[in-house]
Amino acid sequence: MIAHLYFTNDDYATKRALIKCNPSVKTAHDRTELRRALADGRITTVATDHAPHLLSQKQGGCASATSGMPMVQFSLPTMLELVDNGIIGIERLVDLMAHAPARLFQISQRGFLRKGYRADIAIVKPNTAWTVSEENIQSKCKWSPMQGHQYNWKVMHTLCNGAHILDVDRFDTDYRGEQLHFRDENI
């Protein structure tokens, strides 16, 4: 999970239950080992659990706060930070976030830029500083453990099935995606 590649147990001091998830965020050593496994291929794909709980559901300490956090909006910029820090290469990032999930789940015509495939594309701009704030969080819960964090990559455009869903900071909220199709393993 992307949160485990970013946070450590030291972050509980400031983030508290906002970073509570299952399995829990561990030590800096654990994060380093996860990053090493990401780079050397032992980890083959990454994901978020994207759990957009209400902020009120994340209160009350670890015993009563719900697990999970809204991270899908920040997954690509966070992974691009790993590229900037030399932990993985850009090609490895594309494999982890696009190619490998399509292969793993045998999703038909997805995950690659190929003729006949659905155009699911994110266009990012490097060296574009922006800070996560309540105003730019797209999740309906309107909070994130990343609030206050400055990224240096910005997702400028997103296409889903070839439809332009994100145009800089404007979302097409009327568009709905398509059903995924899975290949038969015997084909």
Protein backbone atom coordinates (compact mmCIF):
# COMPACT_ATOMS: atom_id res chain seq x y z
CA MET A 1 0.00 0.00 0.00
CA ILE A 2 1.31 3.42 -0.90
CA ALA A 3 0.85 4.72 2.66
CA HIS A 4 3.40 2.14 3.86
CA LEU A 5 5.92 3.44 1.32
CA TYR A 6 5.51 6.99 2.61
CA PHE A 7 4.65 7.04 6.34
CA THR A 8 6.45 5.50 9.33
CA ASN A 9 5.32 4.90 12.89
CA ASP A 10 6.99 8.23 13.81
CA ASP A 11 4.18 9.95 11.86
CA TYR A 12 1.61 8.77 14.42
CA ALA A 13 2.84 11.60 16.70
CA THR A 14 1.39 14.22 14.34
CA LYS A 15 -1.06 12.30 12.13
CA ARG A 16 -2.50 10.13 14.92
CA ALA A 17 -5.39 7.92 13.74
CA LEU A 18 -5.48 9.67 10.34
CA ILE A 19 -2.89 7.12 9.20
CA LYS A 20 -4.49 4.14 10.91
CA CYS A 21 -4.81 1.32 8.39
CA ASN A 22 -4.57 -2.45 8.21
CA PRO A 23 -1.87 -3.60 8.30
CA SER A 24 -0.58 -0.71 10.36
CA VAL A 25 2.18 1.65 9.28
CA LYS A 26 5.48 0.35 10.66
CA THR A 27 9.04 1.56 11.34
CA ALA A 28 11.42 3.50 9.09
CA HIS A 29 13.39 0.25 8.68
CA ASP A 30 10.24 -1.52 7.47
CA ARG A 31 9.55 1.31 5.01
CA THR A 32 13.12 1.09 3.72
CA GLU A 33 12.76 -2.67 3.19
CA LEU A 34 9.44 -2.21 1.40
CA ARG A 35 11.04 0.38 -0.87
CA ARG A 36 13.95 -2.00 -1.54
CA ALA A 37 11.48 -4.78 -2.45
CA LEU A 38 9.65 -2.35 -4.71
CA ALA A 39 12.87 -1.47 -6.52
CA ASP A 40 14.19 -5.02 -6.90
CA GLY A 41 10.94 -6.54 -8.14
CA ARG A 42 9.82 -8.55 -5.10
CA ILE A 43 6.80 -6.23 -4.92
CA THR A 44 5.05 -6.40 -8.26
CA THR A 45 2.25 -3.85 -7.92
CA VAL A 46 1.12 -1.05 -5.61
CA ALA A 47 -2.30 0.12 -4.49
CA THR A 48 -4.19 2.28 -2.06
CA ASP A 49 -7.06 1.08 0.05
CA HIS A 50 -8.78 4.44 -0.60
CA ALA A 51 -11.06 4.49 2.41
CA PRO A 52 -12.68 7.94 2.43
CA HIS A 53 -14.11 7.76 5.94
CA LEU A 54 -15.56 10.89 7.44
CA LEU A 55 -13.05 12.80 9.55
CA SER A 56 -15.27 12.17 12.58
CA GLN A 57 -14.79 8.41 12.03
CA LYS A 58 -11.00 8.83 12.31
CA GLN A 59 -11.22 10.37 15.80
CA GLY A 60 -11.10 8.74 19.22
CA GLY A 61 -7.72 7.03 19.11
CA CYS A 62 -6.55 3.81 17.56
CA ALA A 63 -9.05 1.61 19.40
CA SER A 64 -12.14 3.33 18.00
CA ALA A 65 -11.04 5.12 14.81
CA THR A 66 -11.82 3.38 11.53
CA SER A 67 -8.97 1.97 9.45
CA GLY A 68 -7.99 3.29 6.06
CA MET A 69 -7.38 6.64 4.46
CA PRO A 70 -8.26 8.50 1.25
CA MET A 71 -5.06 8.22 -0.81
CA VAL A 72 -6.06 7.47 -4.41
CA GLN A 73 -5.74 11.14 -5.50
CA PHE A 74 -2.21 11.26 -4.10
CA SER A 75 -0.99 7.82 -5.17
CA LEU A 76 0.69 8.89 -8.41
CA PRO A 77 2.36 12.06 -7.03
CA THR A 78 3.58 10.07 -4.01
CA MET A 79 5.06 7.39 -6.25
CA LEU A 80 6.65 10.09 -8.41
CA GLU A 81 8.43 11.32 -5.26
CA LEU A 82 10.01 7.86 -5.04
CA VAL A 83 11.21 8.37 -8.61
CA ASP A 84 12.64 11.79 -7.70
CA ASN A 85 14.38 10.23 -4.68
CA GLY A 86 16.02 7.56 -6.86
CA ILE A 87 14.15 4.67 -5.21
CA ILE A 88 12.54 3.50 -8.46
CA GLY A 89 12.76 4.57 -12.09
CA ILE A 90 9.88 6.07 -14.05
CA GLU A 91 9.56 2.88 -16.13
CA ARG A 92 9.23 0.84 -12.93
CA LEU A 93 6.52 3.21 -11.69
CA VAL A 94 4.52 2.70 -14.91
CA ASP A 95 4.87 -1.05 -14.58
CA LEU A 96 3.81 -1.03 -10.91
CA MET A 97 0.77 1.20 -11.40
CA ALA A 98 -0.47 0.31 -14.89
CA HIS A 99 1.05 -2.76 -16.55
CA ALA A 100 1.31 -5.10 -13.55
CA PRO A 101 -2.28 -4.63 -12.29
CA ALA A 102 -3.63 -5.25 -15.81
CA ARG A 103 -1.54 -8.42 -16.11
CA LEU A 104 -2.29 -9.63 -12.58
CA PHE A 105 -6.05 -9.30 -12.93
CA GLN A 106 -6.04 -10.12 -16.67
CA ILE A 107 -7.96 -6.96 -17.47
CA SER A 108 -8.78 -6.89 -21.15
CA GLN A 109 -7.47 -3.94 -23.19
CA ARG A 110 -6.20 -1.94 -20.21
CA GLY A 111 -2.92 -0.99 -18.59
CA PHE A 112 -0.87 -0.34 -21.74
CA LEU A 113 -0.70 2.25 -24.49
CA ARG A 114 -1.49 -0.04 -27.41
CA LYS A 115 -3.65 0.09 -30.50
CA GLY A 116 -7.12 -1.21 -29.65
CA TYR A 117 -6.71 -0.64 -25.91
CA ARG A 118 -8.84 1.74 -23.87
CA ALA A 119 -7.14 5.12 -23.45
CA ASP A 120 -6.66 5.35 -19.67
CA ILE A 121 -3.94 7.98 -19.39
CA ALA A 122 -2.61 10.33 -16.72
CA ILE A 123 -0.55 13.29 -17.92
CA VAL A 124 1.71 14.75 -15.25
CA LYS A 125 3.86 17.86 -15.10
CA PRO A 126 7.15 17.78 -13.18
CA ASN A 127 8.57 20.70 -11.22
CA THR A 128 5.10 22.00 -10.47
CA ALA A 129 4.83 22.68 -6.76
CA TRP A 130 1.44 22.43 -5.10
CA THR A 131 0.31 21.83 -1.55
CA VAL A 132 -2.49 19.51 -0.48
CA SER A 133 -5.31 21.47 1.12
CA GLU A 134 -8.97 20.87 1.83
CA GLU A 135 -9.81 22.98 -1.23
CA ASN A 136 -7.98 20.69 -3.68
CA ILE A 137 -8.95 17.34 -2.16
CA GLN A 138 -11.38 15.66 -4.55
CA SER A 139 -12.57 12.89 -2.23
CA LYS A 140 -16.02 13.58 -0.82
CA CYS A 141 -14.66 13.21 2.73
CA LYS A 142 -12.54 16.39 2.17
CA TRP A 143 -9.57 15.37 4.33
CA SER A 144 -6.30 13.58 3.75
CA PRO A 145 -3.29 12.62 5.85
CA MET A 146 -1.35 14.40 3.08
CA GLN A 147 -2.82 17.82 3.95
CA GLY A 148 0.00 20.34 4.14
CA HIS A 149 2.34 18.17 2.05
CA GLN A 150 3.94 19.84 -0.96
CA TYR A 151 4.28 17.79 -4.12
CA ASN A 152 6.49 18.67 -7.06
CA TRP A 153 4.51 16.68 -9.66
CA LYS A 154 0.99 17.62 -10.65
CA VAL A 155 -1.53 15.48 -12.50
CA MET A 156 -2.69 17.85 -15.24
CA HIS A 157 -4.96 15.63 -17.32
CA THR A 158 -6.64 12.28 -16.90
CA LEU A 159 -8.33 10.32 -19.64
CA CYS A 160 -10.59 7.36 -18.91
CA ASN A 161 -11.67 5.30 -21.93
CA GLY A 162 -10.45 8.24 -23.99
CA ALA A 163 -12.78 10.71 -22.24
CA HIS A 164 -11.08 13.80 -20.80
CA ILE A 165 -12.01 13.50 -17.11
CA LEU A 166 -9.52 15.91 -15.50
CA ASP A 167 -8.48 19.07 -17.29
CA VAL A 168 -5.96 20.79 -15.01
CA ASP A 169 -8.18 21.41 -11.96
CA ARG A 170 -11.59 20.86 -13.58
CA PHE A 171 -13.29 17.46 -13.31
CA ASP A 172 -16.00 16.16 -15.60
CA THR A 173 -18.33 14.94 -12.88
CA ASP A 174 -20.92 13.70 -15.38
CA TYR A 175 -18.74 11.01 -16.98
CA ARG A 176 -19.07 7.45 -15.77
CA GLY A 177 -16.52 4.76 -16.53
CA GLU A 178 -17.04 1.47 -18.31
CA GLN A 179 -17.31 -2.03 -16.96
CA LEU A 180 -13.99 -3.86 -16.94
CA HIS A 181 -13.68 -7.08 -18.89
CA PHE A 182 -11.39 -9.90 -17.86
CA ARG A 183 -9.68 -12.38 -20.14
CA ASP A 184 -10.42 -16.03 -19.76
CA GLU A 185 -7.28 -17.74 -18.40
CA ASN A 186 -7.79 -20.58 -20.90
CA ILE A 187 -7.63 -18.34 -23.96
